[in-house]
C-alpha cells in the first residue's frame, strides 16, 4: 500500500485542480497555465518511468524503497511549505520533482516486488489493495483540500504517510534482489511452515 500512501494517485488525478487553485490564489498571475502544467506533468511521468529500469538493475529493493519514500517525505513537506509561503513556482517544480522521483525510484516496484514474493492469489489481493487504496485516496483528496487542512495540510498528511512507509519498509520489508526462486518462496513463510515444508520433501 506504500505506493498509494506516496500520494501519487491524487497528485496525478488532481494536478489540474491544484493548478487552477494556484491560478486563483495568484489572481491569474501564476505563469503556468493549468492546461500547460497538466501536459508537462503527463510528459514527465512516462519519460522518467521508461528510464527507471536503470535503478532497478543496480539498487537493492529495500534501498530503493527507503530512498524513494525519504525524498517523498521531503517533497510533500516542501509543497506544503511553498503553498503557505506563496512560492507557487517552487511548489510546481516540487510537484514535478515528486512525480519524476516517484516514477524513477518506485513506480514499477508495486508490481515487481509483489510478483517476486507472492503466489498468484496473493498477487491478486495485493493489486486489488493497491487499486482500492488509489480509489479511496482519489475520492478523499478533494474533501481534504476543501477542508481546514487546505492544500498545504493535505500534502503534510501525505508527508506523514510516507514517513510511516519508511518505518514499515525498514522493519518489515525483506530484500529480494539476488535471491533464488526457492528463497523468494520461503522469504515470508512463517518459520513453522518452513519446517513442515522441508519435512515433506
N, C-alpha and C. Protein backbone atom coordinates (compact mmCIF):
# COMPACT_ATOMS: atom_id res chain seq x y z
N UNK A 1 0.82 -1.21 0.00
CA UNK A 1 0.00 0.00 0.00
C UNK A 1 0.86 1.27 0.00
N UNK A 2 2.16 1.12 0.25
CA UNK A 2 3.02 2.30 0.32
C UNK A 2 2.99 3.09 -0.97
N UNK A 3 2.79 2.40 -2.10
CA UNK A 3 2.79 3.10 -3.37
C UNK A 3 1.68 4.14 -3.43
N UNK A 4 0.51 3.86 -2.85
CA UNK A 4 -0.57 4.83 -2.85
C UNK A 4 -0.44 5.83 -1.71
N UNK A 5 0.16 5.39 -0.59
CA UNK A 5 0.42 6.33 0.51
C UNK A 5 1.36 7.43 0.06
N UNK A 6 2.12 7.17 -1.00
CA UNK A 6 3.03 8.20 -1.53
C UNK A 6 2.27 9.43 -2.00
N UNK A 7 0.98 9.25 -2.35
CA UNK A 7 0.17 10.36 -2.84
C UNK A 7 0.20 10.51 -4.35
N UNK A 8 0.75 9.52 -5.05
CA UNK A 8 0.89 9.64 -6.49
C UNK A 8 -0.47 9.73 -7.20
N UNK A 9 -1.44 8.92 -6.77
CA UNK A 9 -2.75 8.93 -7.41
C UNK A 9 -3.43 10.29 -7.35
N UNK A 10 -3.63 10.84 -6.13
CA UNK A 10 -4.27 12.15 -6.03
C UNK A 10 -3.53 13.26 -6.77
N UNK A 11 -2.19 13.24 -6.74
CA UNK A 11 -1.45 14.30 -7.41
C UNK A 11 -1.66 14.24 -8.91
N UNK A 12 -1.62 13.05 -9.48
CA UNK A 12 -1.83 12.92 -10.92
C UNK A 12 -3.28 13.26 -11.28
N UNK A 13 -4.22 12.72 -10.53
CA UNK A 13 -5.64 12.92 -10.84
C UNK A 13 -6.05 14.38 -10.65
N UNK A 14 -5.54 15.02 -9.59
CA UNK A 14 -5.97 16.37 -9.25
C UNK A 14 -4.95 17.45 -9.59
N UNK A 15 -3.99 17.12 -10.45
CA UNK A 15 -2.98 18.11 -10.81
C UNK A 15 -3.62 19.35 -11.45
N UNK A 16 -4.61 19.15 -12.31
CA UNK A 16 -5.28 20.30 -12.94
C UNK A 16 -6.01 21.13 -11.90
N UNK A 17 -6.67 20.46 -10.93
CA UNK A 17 -7.37 21.19 -9.86
C UNK A 17 -6.39 22.01 -9.05
N UNK A 18 -5.23 21.44 -8.75
CA UNK A 18 -4.21 22.16 -7.98
C UNK A 18 -3.72 23.37 -8.77
N UNK A 19 -3.48 23.19 -10.06
CA UNK A 19 -3.01 24.30 -10.89
C UNK A 19 -4.06 25.40 -11.01
N UNK A 20 -5.33 25.02 -11.11
CA UNK A 20 -6.41 26.02 -11.13
C UNK A 20 -6.47 26.79 -9.81
N UNK A 21 -6.24 26.07 -8.71
CA UNK A 21 -6.20 26.71 -7.39
C UNK A 21 -5.05 27.72 -7.31
N UNK A 22 -3.90 27.35 -7.86
CA UNK A 22 -2.75 28.27 -7.87
C UNK A 22 -3.06 29.51 -8.70
N UNK A 23 -3.74 29.32 -9.82
CA UNK A 23 -4.15 30.45 -10.67
C UNK A 23 -5.07 31.38 -9.90
N UNK A 24 -5.99 30.77 -9.15
CA UNK A 24 -6.95 31.54 -8.36
C UNK A 24 -6.24 32.29 -7.22
N UNK A 25 -5.32 31.61 -6.54
CA UNK A 25 -4.61 32.22 -5.40
C UNK A 25 -3.77 33.42 -5.84
N UNK A 26 -3.29 33.41 -7.08
CA UNK A 26 -2.43 34.49 -7.56
C UNK A 26 -3.19 35.49 -8.43
N UNK A 27 -4.52 35.40 -8.41
CA UNK A 27 -5.36 36.29 -9.24
C UNK A 27 -4.95 36.25 -10.71
N UNK A 28 -4.64 35.03 -11.18
CA UNK A 28 -4.32 34.83 -12.59
C UNK A 28 -2.89 35.12 -12.96
N UNK A 29 -2.05 35.45 -11.97
CA UNK A 29 -0.66 35.81 -12.28
C UNK A 29 0.30 34.62 -12.28
N UNK A 30 -0.18 33.45 -11.87
CA UNK A 30 0.70 32.27 -11.90
C UNK A 30 1.11 32.03 -13.35
N UNK A 31 2.44 31.94 -13.61
CA UNK A 31 2.92 31.96 -15.01
C UNK A 31 2.61 30.72 -15.83
N UNK A 32 2.18 29.64 -15.20
CA UNK A 32 1.94 28.40 -15.94
C UNK A 32 0.44 28.17 -16.05
N UNK A 33 -0.05 28.07 -17.27
CA UNK A 33 -1.47 27.80 -17.49
C UNK A 33 -1.79 26.38 -17.03
N UNK A 34 -2.97 26.17 -16.41
CA UNK A 34 -3.33 24.83 -15.94
C UNK A 34 -3.20 23.75 -17.01
N UNK A 35 -3.61 24.08 -18.25
CA UNK A 35 -3.50 23.09 -19.32
C UNK A 35 -2.04 22.76 -19.62
N UNK A 36 -1.19 23.79 -19.69
CA UNK A 36 0.23 23.57 -19.97
C UNK A 36 0.90 22.79 -18.85
N UNK A 37 0.54 23.11 -17.62
CA UNK A 37 1.11 22.39 -16.47
C UNK A 37 0.70 20.93 -16.47
N UNK A 38 -0.56 20.66 -16.82
CA UNK A 38 -1.04 19.27 -16.88
C UNK A 38 -0.32 18.50 -17.97
N UNK A 39 -0.12 19.15 -19.13
CA UNK A 39 0.62 18.50 -20.23
C UNK A 39 2.04 18.18 -19.79
N UNK A 40 2.68 19.13 -19.11
CA UNK A 40 4.06 18.92 -18.66
C UNK A 40 4.13 17.76 -17.67
N UNK A 41 3.19 17.70 -16.75
CA UNK A 41 3.13 16.60 -15.78
C UNK A 41 2.96 15.26 -16.49
N UNK A 42 2.09 15.25 -17.50
CA UNK A 42 1.84 14.00 -18.22
C UNK A 42 2.95 13.63 -19.20
N UNK A 43 3.87 14.54 -19.45
CA UNK A 43 5.06 14.23 -20.24
C UNK A 43 6.17 13.69 -19.35
N UNK A 44 6.34 14.32 -18.19
CA UNK A 44 7.41 13.91 -17.27
C UNK A 44 7.20 12.48 -16.80
N UNK A 45 5.97 12.14 -16.44
CA UNK A 45 5.68 10.84 -15.84
C UNK A 45 6.11 9.65 -16.70
N UNK A 46 5.67 9.55 -17.97
CA UNK A 46 6.08 8.37 -18.76
C UNK A 46 7.56 8.37 -19.15
N UNK A 47 8.12 9.57 -19.40
CA UNK A 47 9.53 9.63 -19.81
C UNK A 47 10.43 9.09 -18.70
N UNK A 48 10.20 9.54 -17.48
CA UNK A 48 11.02 9.09 -16.35
C UNK A 48 10.74 7.62 -16.05
N UNK A 49 9.49 7.19 -16.20
CA UNK A 49 9.14 5.79 -15.95
C UNK A 49 9.93 4.85 -16.86
N UNK A 50 10.12 5.25 -18.12
CA UNK A 50 10.88 4.43 -19.06
C UNK A 50 12.34 4.29 -18.62
N UNK A 51 12.88 5.36 -18.01
CA UNK A 51 14.28 5.35 -17.58
C UNK A 51 14.50 4.62 -16.25
N UNK A 52 13.42 4.27 -15.58
CA UNK A 52 13.53 3.71 -14.22
C UNK A 52 14.25 2.36 -14.18
N UNK A 53 14.32 1.66 -15.31
CA UNK A 53 14.99 0.36 -15.31
C UNK A 53 16.45 0.48 -14.89
N UNK A 54 17.03 1.67 -15.04
CA UNK A 54 18.43 1.88 -14.67
C UNK A 54 18.66 1.64 -13.18
N UNK A 55 17.72 2.11 -12.34
CA UNK A 55 17.90 1.91 -10.89
C UNK A 55 17.48 0.52 -10.45
N UNK A 56 16.50 -0.07 -11.14
CA UNK A 56 16.05 -1.41 -10.74
C UNK A 56 17.16 -2.45 -10.97
N UNK A 57 18.01 -2.19 -11.94
CA UNK A 57 19.10 -3.12 -12.21
C UNK A 57 20.23 -3.00 -11.20
N UNK A 58 20.39 -1.80 -10.61
CA UNK A 58 21.57 -1.57 -9.78
C UNK A 58 21.31 -1.51 -8.28
N UNK A 59 20.12 -1.10 -7.86
CA UNK A 59 19.85 -0.91 -6.42
C UNK A 59 19.08 -2.08 -5.82
N UNK A 60 19.36 -2.37 -4.55
CA UNK A 60 18.56 -3.34 -3.81
C UNK A 60 17.15 -2.80 -3.64
N UNK A 61 16.19 -3.70 -3.50
CA UNK A 61 14.78 -3.28 -3.41
C UNK A 61 14.53 -2.40 -2.18
N UNK A 62 15.00 -2.84 -1.02
CA UNK A 62 14.77 -2.07 0.21
C UNK A 62 15.43 -0.70 0.14
N UNK A 63 16.64 -0.65 -0.37
CA UNK A 63 17.34 0.63 -0.51
C UNK A 63 16.56 1.57 -1.41
N UNK A 64 16.07 1.04 -2.52
CA UNK A 64 15.31 1.82 -3.47
C UNK A 64 14.04 2.38 -2.81
N UNK A 65 13.33 1.54 -2.09
CA UNK A 65 12.09 1.98 -1.45
C UNK A 65 12.35 3.00 -0.35
N UNK A 66 13.40 2.78 0.44
CA UNK A 66 13.73 3.72 1.51
C UNK A 66 14.15 5.08 0.95
N UNK A 67 14.98 5.07 -0.10
CA UNK A 67 15.38 6.32 -0.75
C UNK A 67 14.16 7.05 -1.31
N UNK A 68 13.28 6.29 -1.95
CA UNK A 68 12.11 6.87 -2.58
C UNK A 68 11.24 7.58 -1.55
N UNK A 69 10.87 6.89 -0.49
CA UNK A 69 9.94 7.48 0.48
C UNK A 69 10.59 8.59 1.30
N UNK A 70 11.91 8.53 1.50
CA UNK A 70 12.59 9.62 2.20
C UNK A 70 12.48 10.92 1.40
N UNK A 71 12.70 10.82 0.09
CA UNK A 71 12.56 12.01 -0.75
C UNK A 71 11.11 12.46 -0.80
N UNK A 72 10.16 11.52 -0.84
CA UNK A 72 8.75 11.89 -0.95
C UNK A 72 8.28 12.61 0.32
N UNK A 73 8.81 12.23 1.48
CA UNK A 73 8.51 12.97 2.72
C UNK A 73 8.92 14.43 2.54
N UNK A 74 10.14 14.63 2.04
CA UNK A 74 10.66 15.99 1.84
C UNK A 74 9.87 16.74 0.76
N UNK A 75 9.53 16.04 -0.32
CA UNK A 75 8.82 16.69 -1.43
C UNK A 75 7.44 17.18 -0.99
N UNK A 76 6.69 16.33 -0.29
CA UNK A 76 5.36 16.75 0.19
C UNK A 76 5.48 17.89 1.19
N UNK A 77 6.46 17.80 2.07
CA UNK A 77 6.67 18.88 3.04
C UNK A 77 6.99 20.19 2.34
N UNK A 78 7.83 20.13 1.30
CA UNK A 78 8.21 21.34 0.55
C UNK A 78 7.03 21.92 -0.21
N UNK A 79 6.17 21.05 -0.75
CA UNK A 79 4.98 21.53 -1.47
C UNK A 79 4.07 22.27 -0.50
N UNK A 80 3.84 21.69 0.68
CA UNK A 80 3.01 22.36 1.68
C UNK A 80 3.60 23.69 2.13
N UNK A 81 4.90 23.71 2.37
CA UNK A 81 5.58 24.94 2.80
C UNK A 81 5.53 26.00 1.71
N UNK A 82 5.71 25.59 0.46
CA UNK A 82 5.66 26.53 -0.67
C UNK A 82 4.27 27.15 -0.80
N UNK A 83 3.25 26.36 -0.49
CA UNK A 83 1.88 26.87 -0.56
C UNK A 83 1.66 27.96 0.48
N UNK A 84 2.14 27.70 1.71
CA UNK A 84 1.95 28.67 2.80
C UNK A 84 2.73 29.96 2.52
N UNK A 85 3.95 29.82 2.01
CA UNK A 85 4.80 30.99 1.76
C UNK A 85 4.54 31.63 0.40
N UNK A 86 3.58 31.06 -0.33
CA UNK A 86 3.15 31.61 -1.62
C UNK A 86 4.27 31.59 -2.66
N UNK A 87 5.12 30.59 -2.56
CA UNK A 87 6.16 30.38 -3.57
C UNK A 87 5.62 29.36 -4.59
N UNK A 88 4.72 29.81 -5.44
CA UNK A 88 3.93 28.89 -6.24
C UNK A 88 4.73 28.23 -7.37
N UNK A 89 5.70 28.93 -7.91
CA UNK A 89 6.54 28.32 -8.94
C UNK A 89 7.37 27.20 -8.33
N UNK A 90 7.91 27.45 -7.12
CA UNK A 90 8.67 26.41 -6.41
C UNK A 90 7.75 25.23 -6.12
N UNK A 91 6.50 25.50 -5.76
CA UNK A 91 5.53 24.44 -5.50
C UNK A 91 5.36 23.56 -6.73
N UNK A 92 5.20 24.19 -7.90
CA UNK A 92 5.01 23.41 -9.13
C UNK A 92 6.25 22.60 -9.46
N UNK A 93 7.42 23.20 -9.27
CA UNK A 93 8.68 22.48 -9.51
C UNK A 93 8.78 21.28 -8.57
N UNK A 94 8.38 21.46 -7.31
CA UNK A 94 8.39 20.35 -6.34
C UNK A 94 7.43 19.24 -6.75
N UNK A 95 6.29 19.61 -7.33
CA UNK A 95 5.36 18.60 -7.83
C UNK A 95 5.99 17.79 -8.96
N UNK A 96 6.67 18.47 -9.87
CA UNK A 96 7.34 17.78 -10.97
C UNK A 96 8.45 16.87 -10.45
N UNK A 97 9.22 17.36 -9.48
CA UNK A 97 10.29 16.55 -8.89
C UNK A 97 9.72 15.33 -8.18
N UNK A 98 8.59 15.55 -7.48
CA UNK A 98 7.92 14.43 -6.81
C UNK A 98 7.54 13.35 -7.82
N UNK A 99 6.89 13.76 -8.91
CA UNK A 99 6.44 12.79 -9.92
C UNK A 99 7.62 12.08 -10.57
N UNK A 100 8.67 12.84 -10.89
CA UNK A 100 9.85 12.25 -11.52
C UNK A 100 10.52 11.26 -10.58
N UNK A 101 10.70 11.67 -9.31
CA UNK A 101 11.36 10.80 -8.33
C UNK A 101 10.55 9.53 -8.11
N UNK A 102 9.24 9.69 -7.98
CA UNK A 102 8.38 8.52 -7.76
C UNK A 102 8.51 7.53 -8.90
N UNK A 103 8.38 8.03 -10.13
CA UNK A 103 8.43 7.13 -11.28
C UNK A 103 9.81 6.50 -11.44
N UNK A 104 10.86 7.26 -11.15
CA UNK A 104 12.21 6.76 -11.35
C UNK A 104 12.58 5.70 -10.31
N UNK A 105 12.13 5.89 -9.07
CA UNK A 105 12.56 5.01 -8.00
C UNK A 105 11.53 3.96 -7.58
N UNK A 106 10.26 4.26 -7.70
CA UNK A 106 9.28 3.35 -7.11
C UNK A 106 8.13 2.95 -8.02
N UNK A 107 7.92 3.67 -9.09
CA UNK A 107 6.72 3.49 -9.90
C UNK A 107 6.38 2.06 -10.26
N UNK A 108 7.36 1.29 -10.69
CA UNK A 108 7.10 -0.09 -11.09
C UNK A 108 7.26 -1.08 -9.94
N UNK A 109 7.78 -0.61 -8.80
CA UNK A 109 8.07 -1.53 -7.70
C UNK A 109 6.80 -2.17 -7.12
N UNK A 110 5.66 -1.47 -7.25
CA UNK A 110 4.41 -2.05 -6.72
C UNK A 110 4.02 -3.30 -7.50
N UNK A 111 4.58 -3.49 -8.70
CA UNK A 111 4.33 -4.70 -9.47
C UNK A 111 5.49 -5.70 -9.36
N UNK A 112 6.70 -5.17 -9.30
CA UNK A 112 7.88 -6.04 -9.26
C UNK A 112 7.98 -6.79 -7.94
N UNK A 113 7.89 -6.06 -6.82
CA UNK A 113 8.12 -6.69 -5.52
C UNK A 113 7.06 -7.75 -5.20
N UNK A 114 5.75 -7.45 -5.33
CA UNK A 114 4.76 -8.50 -5.07
C UNK A 114 4.92 -9.72 -5.97
N UNK A 115 5.30 -9.48 -7.24
CA UNK A 115 5.49 -10.61 -8.16
C UNK A 115 6.62 -11.51 -7.70
N UNK A 116 7.61 -10.95 -7.01
CA UNK A 116 8.74 -11.74 -6.53
C UNK A 116 8.39 -12.57 -5.30
N UNK A 117 7.48 -12.08 -4.46
CA UNK A 117 7.25 -12.76 -3.17
C UNK A 117 5.87 -13.39 -3.02
N UNK A 118 4.95 -13.14 -3.97
CA UNK A 118 3.58 -13.63 -3.81
C UNK A 118 3.27 -14.77 -4.79
N UNK A 119 2.41 -15.68 -4.34
CA UNK A 119 1.78 -16.63 -5.26
C UNK A 119 0.71 -15.86 -6.04
N UNK A 120 0.12 -16.50 -7.05
CA UNK A 120 -0.84 -15.79 -7.90
C UNK A 120 -2.00 -15.19 -7.11
N UNK A 121 -2.55 -15.96 -6.16
CA UNK A 121 -3.68 -15.46 -5.37
C UNK A 121 -3.26 -14.24 -4.56
N UNK A 122 -2.09 -14.33 -3.94
CA UNK A 122 -1.57 -13.21 -3.15
C UNK A 122 -1.35 -11.98 -4.00
N UNK A 123 -0.86 -12.18 -5.22
CA UNK A 123 -0.63 -11.05 -6.13
C UNK A 123 -1.96 -10.36 -6.46
N UNK A 124 -3.00 -11.15 -6.65
CA UNK A 124 -4.32 -10.57 -6.91
C UNK A 124 -4.81 -9.72 -5.75
N UNK A 125 -4.60 -10.21 -4.52
CA UNK A 125 -5.01 -9.45 -3.33
C UNK A 125 -4.22 -8.15 -3.23
N UNK A 126 -2.90 -8.23 -3.48
CA UNK A 126 -2.05 -7.04 -3.40
C UNK A 126 -2.48 -5.99 -4.42
N UNK A 127 -2.67 -6.41 -5.67
CA UNK A 127 -3.06 -5.45 -6.71
C UNK A 127 -4.45 -4.88 -6.44
N UNK A 128 -5.35 -5.74 -5.92
CA UNK A 128 -6.67 -5.24 -5.54
C UNK A 128 -6.57 -4.17 -4.46
N UNK A 129 -5.70 -4.41 -3.49
CA UNK A 129 -5.50 -3.43 -2.41
C UNK A 129 -4.91 -2.13 -2.94
N UNK A 130 -3.97 -2.23 -3.87
CA UNK A 130 -3.35 -1.03 -4.44
C UNK A 130 -4.40 -0.16 -5.14
N UNK A 131 -5.22 -0.79 -5.98
CA UNK A 131 -6.20 0.00 -6.73
C UNK A 131 -7.35 0.47 -5.85
N UNK A 132 -7.70 -0.31 -4.82
CA UNK A 132 -8.74 0.13 -3.89
C UNK A 132 -8.27 1.35 -3.10
N UNK A 133 -7.00 1.32 -2.67
CA UNK A 133 -6.47 2.46 -1.93
C UNK A 133 -6.33 3.69 -2.83
N UNK A 134 -6.04 3.47 -4.12
CA UNK A 134 -5.97 4.59 -5.07
C UNK A 134 -7.34 5.26 -5.20
N UNK A 135 -8.39 4.43 -5.30
CA UNK A 135 -9.75 4.97 -5.41
C UNK A 135 -10.11 5.73 -4.14
N UNK A 136 -9.78 5.15 -2.99
CA UNK A 136 -10.10 5.78 -1.70
C UNK A 136 -9.41 7.14 -1.58
N UNK A 137 -8.11 7.18 -1.90
CA UNK A 137 -7.37 8.43 -1.77
C UNK A 137 -7.82 9.47 -2.80
N UNK A 138 -8.18 9.02 -3.99
CA UNK A 138 -8.64 9.95 -5.02
C UNK A 138 -9.99 10.55 -4.66
N UNK A 139 -10.83 9.78 -3.95
CA UNK A 139 -12.12 10.30 -3.52
C UNK A 139 -12.00 11.26 -2.34
N UNK A 140 -11.00 11.05 -1.49
CA UNK A 140 -10.88 11.86 -0.27
C UNK A 140 -10.05 13.12 -0.45
N UNK A 141 -9.16 13.16 -1.45
CA UNK A 141 -8.23 14.28 -1.55
C UNK A 141 -8.95 15.61 -1.78
N UNK A 142 -10.02 15.61 -2.57
CA UNK A 142 -10.73 16.86 -2.83
C UNK A 142 -11.36 17.39 -1.55
N UNK A 143 -11.92 16.48 -0.72
CA UNK A 143 -12.51 16.90 0.55
C UNK A 143 -11.43 17.42 1.50
N UNK A 144 -10.26 16.79 1.46
CA UNK A 144 -9.15 17.23 2.31
C UNK A 144 -8.70 18.64 1.92
N UNK A 145 -8.58 18.90 0.61
CA UNK A 145 -8.14 20.21 0.16
C UNK A 145 -9.17 21.30 0.46
N UNK A 146 -10.47 20.91 0.45
CA UNK A 146 -11.53 21.88 0.73
C UNK A 146 -11.78 22.05 2.22
N UNK A 147 -11.18 21.20 3.04
CA UNK A 147 -11.35 21.25 4.50
C UNK A 147 -10.37 22.27 5.10
N UNK A 148 -10.40 22.45 6.42
CA UNK A 148 -9.40 23.34 7.05
C UNK A 148 -7.95 22.91 6.80
N UNK A 149 -7.73 21.67 6.40
CA UNK A 149 -6.37 21.25 6.05
C UNK A 149 -5.82 22.08 4.90
N UNK A 150 -6.70 22.43 3.95
CA UNK A 150 -6.31 23.15 2.74
C UNK A 150 -5.30 22.32 1.94
N UNK A 151 -4.70 22.91 0.92
CA UNK A 151 -3.75 22.17 0.09
C UNK A 151 -2.49 21.84 0.88
N UNK A 152 -1.98 22.82 1.62
CA UNK A 152 -0.72 22.59 2.34
C UNK A 152 -0.86 21.48 3.38
N UNK A 153 -1.98 21.47 4.12
CA UNK A 153 -2.19 20.43 5.12
C UNK A 153 -2.36 19.06 4.51
N UNK A 154 -3.00 19.02 3.35
CA UNK A 154 -3.18 17.75 2.63
C UNK A 154 -1.83 17.14 2.27
N UNK A 155 -0.92 17.98 1.79
CA UNK A 155 0.41 17.48 1.44
C UNK A 155 1.20 17.08 2.67
N UNK A 156 0.98 17.76 3.77
CA UNK A 156 1.67 17.37 5.01
C UNK A 156 1.15 16.03 5.53
N UNK A 157 -0.14 15.77 5.31
CA UNK A 157 -0.68 14.45 5.67
C UNK A 157 0.03 13.37 4.84
N UNK A 158 0.19 13.63 3.54
CA UNK A 158 0.90 12.66 2.69
C UNK A 158 2.36 12.51 3.10
N UNK A 159 2.96 13.60 3.55
CA UNK A 159 4.34 13.53 4.05
C UNK A 159 4.40 12.58 5.26
N UNK A 160 3.41 12.71 6.16
CA UNK A 160 3.35 11.82 7.32
C UNK A 160 3.13 10.37 6.93
N UNK A 161 2.28 10.14 5.94
CA UNK A 161 2.04 8.77 5.46
C UNK A 161 3.31 8.15 4.90
N UNK A 162 4.09 8.96 4.20
CA UNK A 162 5.36 8.44 3.66
C UNK A 162 6.37 8.15 4.76
N UNK A 163 6.31 8.92 5.83
CA UNK A 163 7.17 8.63 6.98
C UNK A 163 6.80 7.28 7.59
N UNK A 164 5.51 7.00 7.68
CA UNK A 164 5.06 5.69 8.17
C UNK A 164 5.53 4.57 7.23
N UNK A 165 5.53 4.86 5.93
CA UNK A 165 6.01 3.87 4.95
C UNK A 165 7.48 3.55 5.18
N UNK A 166 8.28 4.57 5.48
CA UNK A 166 9.70 4.35 5.75
C UNK A 166 9.87 3.39 6.92
N UNK A 167 9.11 3.62 7.99
CA UNK A 167 9.20 2.76 9.18
C UNK A 167 8.76 1.34 8.84
N UNK A 168 7.68 1.21 8.07
CA UNK A 168 7.19 -0.12 7.68
C UNK A 168 8.23 -0.86 6.85
N UNK A 169 8.79 -0.17 5.86
CA UNK A 169 9.80 -0.81 4.99
C UNK A 169 11.02 -1.22 5.81
N UNK A 170 11.46 -0.33 6.69
CA UNK A 170 12.67 -0.59 7.47
C UNK A 170 12.51 -1.82 8.36
N UNK A 171 11.34 -1.95 8.99
CA UNK A 171 11.15 -3.02 9.97
C UNK A 171 10.55 -4.31 9.40
N UNK A 172 9.80 -4.21 8.30
CA UNK A 172 9.05 -5.39 7.86
C UNK A 172 9.35 -5.88 6.45
N UNK A 173 9.84 -5.03 5.56
CA UNK A 173 10.07 -5.44 4.18
C UNK A 173 11.44 -6.11 4.07
N UNK A 174 11.47 -7.27 3.43
CA UNK A 174 12.70 -8.04 3.28
C UNK A 174 13.27 -7.87 1.87
N UNK A 175 14.58 -7.98 1.77
CA UNK A 175 15.26 -7.82 0.48
C UNK A 175 15.02 -9.03 -0.42
N UNK A 176 14.77 -8.79 -1.70
CA UNK A 176 14.54 -9.87 -2.65
C UNK A 176 15.61 -9.94 -3.74
N UNK A 177 16.33 -8.86 -3.95
CA UNK A 177 17.29 -8.82 -5.06
C UNK A 177 18.37 -9.88 -4.86
N UNK A 178 18.62 -10.65 -5.92
CA UNK A 178 19.68 -11.65 -5.89
C UNK A 178 19.29 -12.99 -5.29
N UNK A 179 18.03 -13.14 -4.86
CA UNK A 179 17.59 -14.40 -4.26
C UNK A 179 17.04 -15.34 -5.32
N UNK A 180 17.19 -16.63 -5.06
CA UNK A 180 16.68 -17.64 -5.98
C UNK A 180 15.16 -17.75 -5.84
N UNK A 181 14.53 -18.44 -6.78
CA UNK A 181 13.08 -18.63 -6.73
C UNK A 181 12.67 -19.35 -5.45
N UNK A 182 13.45 -20.33 -5.02
CA UNK A 182 13.14 -21.06 -3.79
C UNK A 182 13.26 -20.15 -2.57
N UNK A 183 14.29 -19.33 -2.54
CA UNK A 183 14.47 -18.41 -1.42
C UNK A 183 13.34 -17.38 -1.36
N UNK A 184 12.87 -16.94 -2.51
CA UNK A 184 11.76 -15.99 -2.54
C UNK A 184 10.47 -16.62 -2.03
N UNK A 185 10.26 -17.90 -2.37
CA UNK A 185 9.05 -18.59 -1.88
C UNK A 185 9.05 -18.72 -0.36
N UNK A 186 10.22 -18.82 0.22
CA UNK A 186 10.34 -19.02 1.67
C UNK A 186 10.48 -17.71 2.44
N UNK A 187 10.62 -16.60 1.73
CA UNK A 187 11.00 -15.35 2.37
C UNK A 187 10.04 -14.91 3.46
N UNK A 188 8.73 -14.96 3.18
CA UNK A 188 7.74 -14.51 4.15
C UNK A 188 6.96 -15.66 4.77
N UNK A 189 7.38 -16.88 4.50
CA UNK A 189 6.69 -18.04 5.07
C UNK A 189 7.05 -18.14 6.56
N UNK A 190 6.05 -18.33 7.43
CA UNK A 190 6.35 -18.48 8.87
C UNK A 190 7.33 -19.63 9.11
N UNK A 191 8.13 -19.50 10.15
CA UNK A 191 9.18 -20.49 10.43
C UNK A 191 8.61 -21.89 10.58
N UNK A 192 7.48 -22.03 11.29
CA UNK A 192 6.89 -23.37 11.48
C UNK A 192 6.42 -23.98 10.16
N UNK A 193 5.95 -23.13 9.22
CA UNK A 193 5.55 -23.63 7.90
C UNK A 193 6.77 -24.05 7.09
N UNK A 194 7.89 -23.35 7.28
CA UNK A 194 9.12 -23.73 6.58
C UNK A 194 9.59 -25.11 7.03
N UNK A 195 9.49 -25.35 8.34
CA UNK A 195 9.90 -26.65 8.87
C UNK A 195 9.05 -27.76 8.29
N UNK A 196 7.72 -27.54 8.23
CA UNK A 196 6.81 -28.53 7.67
C UNK A 196 7.12 -28.78 6.20
N UNK A 197 7.40 -27.69 5.46
CA UNK A 197 7.69 -27.81 4.03
C UNK A 197 8.95 -28.63 3.80
N UNK A 198 9.97 -28.41 4.63
CA UNK A 198 11.22 -29.15 4.49
C UNK A 198 11.05 -30.60 4.87
N UNK A 199 10.20 -30.89 5.86
CA UNK A 199 9.99 -32.27 6.31
C UNK A 199 9.19 -33.09 5.29
N UNK A 200 8.40 -32.38 4.45
CA UNK A 200 7.59 -33.07 3.43
C UNK A 200 8.40 -33.42 2.18
N UNK A 201 9.62 -32.89 2.09
CA UNK A 201 10.44 -33.17 0.91
C UNK A 201 11.00 -34.58 0.96
